[in-house]
Amino acid sequence: MSKVQNDIKDRGRIKWTAMMLPEHIQALRKMNEENDYVERPELTEWELQGLQGELERAFVQKIDTIVTTWKDGKTSPYIGKITKLDPIHGLISIDGPYGSDHIPVGNIVKVHSM
């Protein structure tokens, strides 16, 4: 596609975007949020024991780990070394490239040691 054709398409997008009402923009954002929603995985007792074992192994061996959490319909990965397991407060601490994070154990849905 030539630059002229791209410029014409861009002008069309700008034109239609400017004509959208705030209600339309809100409806589109809500629709995108609904499309991005991820159901919470239902873990069996066997899978929960596997997660616990993998967390303990990663903590003892001080190896890099990917911990995936689920909250409010979204999954988030945390990468780093597990520095603390706190069963009293139900948290784990993980030191990653962007600092330290404290993760509630109840939100963890997947653990993968590297």
Protein backbone atom coordinates (compact mmCIF):
# COMPACT_ATOMS: atom_id res chain seq x y z
CA MET A 1 0.00 0.00 0.00
CA SER A 2 1.34 3.43 -0.81
CA LYS A 3 1.81 6.27 1.63
CA VAL A 4 -1.06 8.20 0.03
CA GLN A 5 -3.45 5.29 0.57
CA ASN A 6 -2.35 4.98 4.22
CA ASP A 7 -2.87 8.72 4.76
CA ILE A 8 -6.37 8.52 3.32
CA LYS A 9 -7.25 5.57 5.59
CA ASP A 10 -5.82 7.40 8.62
CA ARG A 11 -7.91 10.47 7.86
CA GLY A 12 -10.98 8.25 7.73
CA ARG A 13 -10.18 6.74 11.12
CA ILE A 14 -9.62 10.15 12.64
CA LYS A 15 -12.89 11.40 11.16
CA TRP A 16 -14.96 8.52 12.56
CA THR A 17 -13.22 8.53 15.92
CA ALA A 18 -14.00 12.21 16.38
CA MET A 19 -17.68 11.53 15.69
CA MET A 20 -18.01 8.88 18.41
CA LEU A 21 -19.94 9.84 21.51
CA PRO A 22 -18.49 9.18 24.97
CA GLU A 23 -21.23 6.57 25.47
CA HIS A 24 -19.98 4.69 22.42
CA ILE A 25 -16.41 4.77 23.68
CA GLN A 26 -17.52 3.46 27.10
CA ALA A 27 -19.53 0.68 25.47
CA LEU A 28 -16.54 -0.34 23.33
CA ARG A 29 -14.24 -0.37 26.39
CA LYS A 30 -16.74 -2.50 28.32
CA MET A 31 -17.04 -4.90 25.39
CA ASN A 32 -13.22 -5.22 25.25
CA GLU A 33 -13.08 -5.92 28.99
CA GLU A 34 -15.72 -8.64 28.62
CA ASN A 35 -13.80 -10.19 25.72
CA ASP A 36 -10.57 -10.22 27.76
CA TYR A 37 -12.21 -11.85 30.81
CA VAL A 38 -10.64 -15.18 31.78
CA GLU A 39 -12.56 -17.67 33.91
CA ARG A 40 -10.83 -18.73 37.10
CA PRO A 41 -9.33 -22.19 36.61
CA GLU A 42 -10.82 -24.78 38.96
CA LEU A 43 -7.88 -26.66 40.48
CA THR A 44 -8.24 -30.14 41.91
CA GLU A 45 -6.70 -31.17 45.22
CA TRP A 46 -4.01 -33.00 43.25
CA GLU A 47 -3.14 -29.84 41.26
CA LEU A 48 -3.05 -27.72 44.44
CA GLN A 49 -0.58 -30.16 46.01
CA GLY A 50 1.51 -29.96 42.84
CA LEU A 51 1.55 -26.15 43.07
CA GLN A 52 2.63 -26.33 46.70
CA GLY A 53 5.42 -28.79 45.90
CA GLU A 54 6.66 -26.69 42.99
CA LEU A 55 6.67 -23.53 45.15
CA GLU A 56 8.61 -25.27 47.92
CA ARG A 57 11.13 -26.72 45.45
CA ALA A 58 11.66 -23.33 43.78
CA PHE A 59 12.12 -21.70 47.21
CA VAL A 60 14.65 -24.26 48.48
CA GLN A 61 16.65 -24.40 45.25
CA LYS A 62 16.48 -20.60 44.64
CA ILE A 63 15.66 -21.05 40.95
CA ASP A 64 13.84 -18.63 38.66
CA THR A 65 10.13 -19.34 38.61
CA ILE A 66 7.07 -18.11 36.73
CA VAL A 67 4.10 -17.75 39.07
CA THR A 68 0.79 -17.05 37.31
CA THR A 69 -2.03 -15.52 39.34
CA TRP A 70 -5.71 -14.91 38.62
CA LYS A 71 -7.62 -11.90 39.92
CA ASP A 72 -10.78 -10.20 38.67
CA GLY A 73 -10.84 -12.11 35.39
CA LYS A 74 -7.21 -11.48 34.45
CA THR A 75 -4.08 -13.57 34.73
CA SER A 76 -0.72 -12.02 35.61
CA PRO A 77 2.70 -13.68 35.44
CA TYR A 78 5.41 -12.96 38.01
CA ILE A 79 8.96 -13.98 37.20
CA GLY A 80 11.80 -14.24 39.70
CA LYS A 81 13.18 -16.13 42.67
CA ILE A 82 10.89 -16.99 45.57
CA THR A 83 12.44 -15.45 48.67
CA LYS A 84 9.81 -16.14 51.32
CA LEU A 85 6.92 -18.51 51.95
CA ASP A 86 4.58 -17.11 54.62
CA PRO A 87 1.89 -19.68 55.49
CA ILE A 88 0.57 -17.59 58.40
CA HIS A 89 -0.40 -14.65 56.16
CA GLY A 90 -0.90 -16.80 53.05
CA LEU A 91 1.68 -14.91 50.97
CA ILE A 92 4.78 -15.65 48.97
CA SER A 93 7.47 -13.10 48.16
CA ILE A 94 9.15 -13.16 44.78
CA ASP A 95 12.10 -11.00 43.72
CA GLY A 96 11.98 -10.25 40.03
CA PRO A 97 13.65 -7.86 37.61
CA TYR A 98 11.25 -5.06 38.61
CA GLY A 99 11.47 -5.47 42.38
CA SER A 100 9.82 -7.57 45.03
CA ASP A 101 6.18 -8.68 44.91
CA HIS A 102 4.00 -10.24 47.60
CA ILE A 103 1.47 -12.64 46.12
CA PRO A 104 -1.54 -14.10 47.95
CA VAL A 105 -1.39 -17.90 47.72
CA GLY A 106 -5.12 -18.08 46.97
CA ASN A 107 -4.59 -16.21 43.68
CA ILE A 108 -1.95 -18.60 42.32
CA VAL A 109 -3.16 -20.81 39.47
CA LYS A 110 0.11 -21.99 37.90
CA VAL A 111 3.77 -22.38 38.89
CA HIS A 112 6.57 -23.20 36.48
CA SER A 113 10.23 -23.46 37.49
CA MET A 114 12.80 -22.61 34.86
